[in-house]
């Protein structure tokens, strides 16, 4: 079950990253999963929160960790 939650959370984050001007593209799930682990983001933190709250949290984390998010497709 944990695998499904992780996949759903990384999919949600990938879709959010694609629409954010700070990223503007979809990143691979493996990159997002690693980024989530580095930032102590649990799948439940993403799946059970309000979408606006998740997006605001991601934007804050992106601003702080921009160099760690790869620019290559």
Protein backbone atom coordinates (compact mmCIF):
# COMPACT_ATOMS: atom_id res chain seq x y z
CA UNK A 1 0.00 0.00 0.00
CA UNK A 2 2.89 2.34 0.76
CA UNK A 3 4.10 2.02 -2.84
CA UNK A 4 0.74 3.18 -4.17
CA UNK A 5 0.71 6.16 -1.83
CA UNK A 6 4.24 7.10 -2.83
CA UNK A 7 3.38 6.82 -6.52
CA UNK A 8 0.25 8.92 -6.05
CA UNK A 9 2.17 11.57 -4.09
CA UNK A 10 5.00 11.76 -6.63
CA UNK A 11 2.44 11.99 -9.45
CA UNK A 12 0.68 14.85 -7.69
CA UNK A 13 3.94 16.68 -7.11
CA UNK A 14 5.04 16.08 -10.73
CA UNK A 15 1.79 17.59 -11.97
CA UNK A 16 2.14 20.53 -9.58
CA UNK A 17 5.75 21.15 -10.63
CA UNK A 18 4.65 21.19 -14.26
CA UNK A 19 2.26 24.10 -13.69
CA UNK A 20 4.51 26.09 -11.35
CA UNK A 21 6.52 28.82 -13.10
CA UNK A 22 9.51 27.99 -10.86
CA UNK A 23 9.82 24.54 -12.50
CA UNK A 24 7.55 24.54 -15.55
CA UNK A 25 8.01 20.91 -16.52
CA UNK A 26 7.32 17.43 -15.28
CA UNK A 27 10.23 15.76 -13.50
CA UNK A 28 10.80 12.00 -13.29
CA UNK A 29 9.15 10.26 -10.35
CA UNK A 30 12.51 9.00 -9.12
CA UNK A 31 13.84 12.56 -8.84
CA UNK A 32 10.72 13.67 -7.01
CA UNK A 33 10.82 10.70 -4.62
CA UNK A 34 14.45 11.50 -3.78
CA UNK A 35 13.58 15.18 -3.31
CA UNK A 36 10.68 14.20 -1.03
CA UNK A 37 13.03 12.07 1.08
CA UNK A 38 15.58 14.89 1.35
CA UNK A 39 12.85 17.27 2.54
CA UNK A 40 11.14 14.78 4.88
CA UNK A 41 7.89 14.85 2.92
CA UNK A 42 5.71 11.82 3.56
CA UNK A 43 3.13 10.74 0.96
CA UNK A 44 0.39 11.39 3.52
CA UNK A 45 1.55 15.01 3.81
CA UNK A 46 0.71 15.48 0.15
CA UNK A 47 -2.29 13.21 -0.28
CA UNK A 48 -4.36 14.29 2.72
CA UNK A 49 -3.73 18.04 2.67
CA UNK A 50 -5.65 20.71 0.80
CA UNK A 51 -4.27 21.27 -2.73
CA UNK A 52 -3.58 24.96 -2.06
CA UNK A 53 -1.65 24.08 1.09
CA UNK A 54 0.43 21.50 -0.77
CA UNK A 55 1.20 23.95 -3.57
CA UNK A 56 2.22 26.67 -1.08
CA UNK A 57 4.48 24.21 0.77
CA UNK A 58 6.09 23.06 -2.48
CA UNK A 59 6.74 26.65 -3.58
CA UNK A 60 8.45 27.41 -0.25
CA UNK A 61 10.58 24.29 -0.52
CA UNK A 62 11.49 25.03 -4.14
CA UNK A 63 12.63 28.53 -3.22
CA UNK A 64 14.87 27.11 -0.48
CA UNK A 65 16.16 24.10 -2.46
CA UNK A 66 16.23 25.35 -6.04
CA UNK A 67 19.82 24.23 -6.69
CA UNK A 68 18.89 20.65 -5.75
CA UNK A 69 16.17 20.34 -8.37
CA UNK A 70 17.77 19.26 -11.63
CA UNK A 71 17.29 21.44 -14.68
CA UNK A 72 17.70 18.64 -17.20
CA UNK A 73 14.61 16.91 -18.51
